[in-house]
Amino acid sequence: MSISGMPMNVTITADISNTTSMDTAAGTLTTNINETIAKINKAANKTEGQVGFIEDVTVTASADGRFAVNSPSGTITFSDNTGKTATKDLGLSGGPKDTLLVEISQGVTMDYNVTASQVINYGDGDNNLINLLANITKHLGSDDAKDISALNDADLTGIQDFATNVLKLRSEVGAKQNSMDSALARNSDQNTNMTEILSKTEDIDITEKAMEYATMQTIYMAALQTSAKVIQPSLLDYLR
């Protein structure tokens, strides 16, 4: 699971089965999650009130057989470890997604953000920024030769891997930005072309059409006058 993108591996210490009451299961989940949160806060040397401190969560059971997990520290997401189904079995999966999607064309969507989890986690397993900083803090305060050596070996490698991951994510975001800029320019060109086509079909030159109207009106009046002069003598001749 993760809270505001902070990954954490929660182990359920008690057996939750079909015979376990919802309230008991909620209490077990609350205890196990908060124990994990306490370990993370301790490893990161965070205390209440400091930036990055994760507050305890509360898990309650609702009348419709669901669990509600609330955290003052941000959005909670759940996922199972490989080969495990606890999250799915407890109905905690399918929560809000971190990925943001936008439709850039009809029927074409793409994600345009990078999640905090993607930034923090730079490798497999427990390789993440929080554990890296905790290890560096521990090794800096130790007089043990192995810990001092780890600063130049594992810790330095971790920093380089984290920086590489950030650069990779930046390049991905840049590529997405370029794609969206290209789509924006393409849509703008299409709108301009459609406007030009519509203009050629429906627009008129007011001055030109006014002159044409005046000319046609003059021709029409002249035709009427000519017809009247031709018809008038013919009628008089008929009356005589």
Protein backbone atom coordinates (compact mmCIF):
# COMPACT_ATOMS: atom_id res chain seq x y z
CA MET A 1 0.00 0.00 0.00
CA SER A 2 1.00 3.65 -0.17
CA ILE A 3 -0.05 6.90 1.49
CA SER A 4 0.37 10.01 -0.67
CA GLY A 5 2.75 8.01 -2.86
CA MET A 6 4.83 6.75 0.10
CA PRO A 7 5.17 2.96 -0.41
CA MET A 8 4.94 0.65 2.59
CA ASN A 9 4.76 -3.11 2.95
CA VAL A 10 2.10 -4.09 5.51
CA THR A 11 2.10 -7.61 6.94
CA ILE A 12 -1.18 -8.90 8.39
CA THR A 13 -0.19 -10.65 11.63
CA ALA A 14 -3.56 -12.23 12.42
CA ASP A 15 -5.58 -14.70 10.38
CA ILE A 16 -8.64 -13.02 8.85
CA SER A 17 -11.16 -15.58 7.61
CA ASN A 18 -14.89 -15.96 7.01
CA THR A 19 -15.40 -16.49 10.74
CA THR A 20 -13.67 -13.22 11.70
CA SER A 21 -16.03 -10.37 12.52
CA MET A 22 -15.76 -7.16 10.52
CA ASP A 23 -14.90 -5.12 13.61
CA THR A 24 -12.14 -7.55 14.59
CA ALA A 25 -10.71 -7.48 11.07
CA ALA A 26 -10.84 -3.67 11.06
CA GLY A 27 -8.96 -3.58 14.36
CA THR A 28 -6.31 -5.95 13.00
CA LEU A 29 -5.83 -3.85 9.87
CA THR A 30 -5.58 -0.65 11.93
CA THR A 31 -2.92 -2.16 14.20
CA ASN A 32 -0.80 -3.65 11.40
CA ILE A 33 -0.93 -0.55 9.19
CA ASN A 34 -0.07 1.80 12.06
CA GLU A 35 2.83 -0.44 13.14
CA THR A 36 4.25 -0.16 9.63
CA ILE A 37 3.73 3.63 9.66
CA ALA A 38 5.60 3.89 12.98
CA LYS A 39 8.57 1.98 11.51
CA ILE A 40 8.69 4.27 8.47
CA ASN A 41 8.52 7.41 10.61
CA LYS A 42 11.30 6.07 12.83
CA ALA A 43 13.50 5.09 9.88
CA ALA A 44 13.04 8.55 8.36
CA ASN A 45 13.64 10.20 11.76
CA LYS A 46 10.30 12.01 11.52
CA THR A 47 8.26 13.17 14.50
CA GLU A 48 4.74 14.52 14.71
CA GLY A 49 4.49 18.01 13.26
CA GLN A 50 7.43 17.61 10.89
CA VAL A 51 7.04 17.65 7.12
CA GLY A 52 6.88 14.07 5.86
CA PHE A 53 5.52 12.62 9.11
CA ILE A 54 2.79 10.06 8.40
CA GLU A 55 -0.10 10.04 10.84
CA ASP A 56 -1.93 6.91 11.98
CA VAL A 57 -4.87 5.63 9.97
CA THR A 58 -8.25 4.42 11.14
CA VAL A 59 -10.03 1.41 9.66
CA THR A 60 -13.76 1.04 10.25
CA ALA A 61 -16.27 -1.57 9.11
CA SER A 62 -19.48 -0.37 7.49
CA ALA A 63 -22.88 -2.04 7.63
CA ASP A 64 -22.67 -3.10 3.98
CA GLY A 65 -19.58 -5.23 4.63
CA ARG A 66 -16.92 -2.80 3.45
CA PHE A 67 -13.82 -1.34 5.09
CA ALA A 68 -13.23 2.41 5.18
CA VAL A 69 -9.56 3.39 5.61
CA ASN A 70 -8.97 7.04 6.50
CA SER A 71 -5.63 8.84 6.70
CA PRO A 72 -5.02 12.52 7.61
CA SER A 73 -1.78 12.34 5.61
CA GLY A 74 -3.25 11.89 2.14
CA THR A 75 -4.64 9.44 -0.40
CA ILE A 76 -4.31 5.73 0.34
CA THR A 77 -3.87 3.09 -2.36
CA PHE A 78 -3.61 -0.67 -1.91
CA SER A 79 -1.97 -3.36 -4.00
CA ASP A 80 -0.99 -6.98 -3.40
CA ASN A 81 2.53 -8.33 -3.37
CA THR A 82 3.35 -10.83 -6.12
CA GLY A 83 1.36 -14.02 -5.61
CA LYS A 84 -0.78 -12.55 -2.82
CA THR A 85 -4.51 -11.75 -2.86
CA ALA A 86 -5.13 -10.21 0.58
CA THR A 87 -5.99 -6.77 -0.79
CA LYS A 88 -8.44 -8.24 -3.29
CA ASP A 89 -9.94 -10.62 -0.72
CA LEU A 90 -10.52 -7.79 1.76
CA GLY A 91 -12.08 -5.57 -0.89
CA LEU A 92 -9.39 -2.90 -0.62
CA SER A 93 -8.32 -2.92 -4.26
CA GLY A 94 -9.75 -0.77 -7.02
CA GLY A 95 -9.19 2.51 -5.22
CA PRO A 96 -8.52 5.86 -6.85
CA LYS A 97 -5.91 5.89 -9.58
CA ASP A 98 -2.81 8.04 -9.45
CA THR A 99 -2.53 8.23 -13.24
CA LEU A 100 -4.20 11.26 -14.84
CA LEU A 101 -5.56 10.85 -18.36
CA VAL A 102 -6.45 13.44 -20.98
CA GLU A 103 -8.13 13.00 -24.37
CA ILE A 104 -5.88 14.63 -26.96
CA SER A 105 -7.97 13.58 -29.94
CA GLN A 106 -11.22 11.76 -30.56
CA GLY A 107 -10.77 8.31 -29.04
CA VAL A 108 -7.10 8.94 -28.20
CA THR A 109 -6.06 9.35 -24.55
CA MET A 110 -2.71 9.50 -22.78
CA ASP A 111 -1.46 9.82 -19.22
CA TYR A 112 0.36 13.08 -18.59
CA ASN A 113 1.67 12.89 -15.04
CA VAL A 114 4.29 11.12 -12.93
CA THR A 115 3.20 9.76 -9.56
CA ALA A 116 5.08 10.26 -6.32
CA SER A 117 5.55 6.51 -6.10
CA GLN A 118 7.36 6.48 -9.45
CA VAL A 119 9.75 9.17 -8.22
CA ILE A 120 10.40 7.66 -4.80
CA ASN A 121 10.87 4.06 -5.97
CA TYR A 122 13.94 3.74 -8.17
CA GLY A 123 14.57 0.00 -8.10
CA ASP A 124 13.26 -3.40 -7.09
CA GLY A 125 12.14 -4.38 -3.63
CA ASP A 126 12.86 -1.82 -0.90
CA ASN A 127 15.00 0.43 -3.09
CA ASN A 128 13.31 3.78 -2.53
CA LEU A 129 14.32 7.27 -1.51
CA ILE A 130 13.02 6.98 2.05
CA ASN A 131 15.05 3.87 2.84
CA LEU A 132 18.08 5.37 1.09
CA LEU A 133 17.99 8.53 3.21
CA ALA A 134 17.42 6.47 6.35
CA ASN A 135 20.48 4.32 5.54
CA ILE A 136 22.63 7.37 4.80
CA THR A 137 21.60 8.96 8.11
CA LYS A 138 22.41 5.73 9.95
CA HIS A 139 25.78 5.26 8.24
CA LEU A 140 26.82 8.89 8.80
CA GLY A 141 26.27 8.52 12.53
CA SER A 142 28.08 5.20 12.83
CA ASP A 143 31.73 4.49 13.61
CA ASP A 144 31.52 0.98 12.17
CA ALA A 145 33.89 0.41 9.24
CA LYS A 146 31.20 -1.42 7.25
CA ASP A 147 28.77 1.48 7.62
CA ILE A 148 31.43 4.00 6.60
CA SER A 149 32.29 1.84 3.59
CA ALA A 150 28.60 1.63 2.68
CA LEU A 151 28.52 5.42 2.24
CA ASN A 152 30.90 5.14 -0.71
CA ASP A 153 29.41 1.92 -2.04
CA ALA A 154 25.73 1.08 -1.59
CA ASP A 155 24.60 4.58 -0.59
CA LEU A 156 26.43 6.31 -3.43
CA THR A 157 25.09 3.73 -5.88
CA GLY A 158 21.60 4.36 -4.51
CA ILE A 159 21.95 8.12 -5.06
CA GLN A 160 23.12 7.54 -8.62
CA ASP A 161 20.26 5.11 -9.28
CA PHE A 162 17.75 7.59 -7.86
CA ALA A 163 19.15 10.40 -10.02
CA THR A 164 19.02 8.13 -13.07
CA ASN A 165 15.38 7.32 -12.32
CA VAL A 166 14.51 11.02 -12.02
CA LEU A 167 16.22 11.76 -15.34
CA LYS A 168 14.31 8.90 -16.96
CA LEU A 169 11.00 10.22 -15.64
CA ARG A 170 11.89 13.74 -16.79
CA SER A 171 12.57 12.44 -20.29
CA GLU A 172 9.24 10.60 -20.27
CA VAL A 173 7.40 13.75 -19.18
CA GLY A 174 9.28 15.73 -21.84
CA ALA A 175 8.27 13.22 -24.51
CA LYS A 176 4.65 13.45 -23.38
CA GLN A 177 4.84 17.25 -23.47
CA ASN A 178 6.22 17.13 -27.01
CA SER A 179 3.43 14.77 -28.04
CA MET A 180 0.79 17.06 -26.57
CA ASP A 181 2.36 20.14 -28.20
CA SER A 182 2.35 18.30 -31.52
CA ALA A 183 -1.28 17.28 -31.05
CA LEU A 184 -2.18 20.88 -30.14
CA ALA A 185 -0.49 22.22 -33.28
CA ARG A 186 -2.16 19.55 -35.42
CA ASN A 187 -5.60 20.31 -33.98
CA SER A 188 -5.00 24.04 -34.48
CA ASP A 189 -4.08 23.45 -38.15
CA GLN A 190 -7.18 21.32 -38.63
CA ASN A 191 -9.39 24.02 -37.10
CA THR A 192 -7.78 26.65 -39.36
CA ASN A 193 -8.32 24.50 -42.46
CA MET A 194 -11.95 23.91 -41.55
CA THR A 195 -12.44 27.64 -41.00
CA GLU A 196 -10.96 28.42 -44.41
CA ILE A 197 -13.17 25.84 -46.12
CA LEU A 198 -16.25 27.17 -44.34
CA SER A 199 -15.26 30.72 -45.22
CA LYS A 200 -14.95 29.87 -48.91
CA THR A 201 -18.36 28.22 -48.80
CA GLU A 202 -20.38 30.71 -46.75
CA ASP A 203 -18.53 34.03 -46.40
CA ILE A 204 -19.15 36.97 -48.82
CA ASP A 205 -17.48 40.27 -49.70
CA ILE A 206 -20.07 42.82 -48.53
CA THR A 207 -18.80 45.63 -50.80
CA GLU A 208 -18.65 43.43 -53.88
CA LYS A 209 -22.10 41.97 -53.32
CA ALA A 210 -23.60 45.43 -52.66
CA MET A 211 -22.24 46.66 -56.00
CA GLU A 212 -23.55 43.57 -57.78
CA TYR A 213 -26.96 44.09 -56.17
CA ALA A 214 -27.07 47.76 -57.26
CA THR A 215 -26.10 46.79 -60.81
CA MET A 216 -28.73 44.07 -61.03
CA GLN A 217 -31.35 46.42 -59.58
CA THR A 218 -30.48 49.05 -62.23
CA ILE A 219 -30.72 46.46 -65.00
CA TYR A 220 -34.03 45.24 -63.63
CA MET A 221 -35.51 48.78 -63.49
CA ALA A 222 -34.27 49.50 -67.01
CA ALA A 223 -35.88 46.30 -68.24
CA LEU A 224 -39.20 47.28 -66.66
CA GLN A 225 -39.10 50.74 -68.20
CA THR A 226 -38.27 49.34 -71.63
CA SER A 227 -41.06 46.80 -71.38
CA ALA A 228 -43.54 49.53 -70.37
CA LYS A 229 -42.62 51.66 -73.38
CA VAL A 230 -43.00 48.72 -75.73
CA ILE A 231 -46.31 47.53 -74.31
CA GLN A 232 -47.96 50.99 -73.99
CA PRO A 233 -48.25 51.77 -77.74
CA SER A 234 -49.50 48.30 -78.46
CA LEU A 235 -52.40 48.69 -76.03
CA LEU A 236 -53.34 52.09 -77.45
CA ASP A 237 -53.34 50.66 -80.92
CA TYR A 238 -55.59 47.86 -79.76
CA LEU A 239 -58.06 50.29 -78.16
CA ARG A 240 -58.31 52.31 -81.34
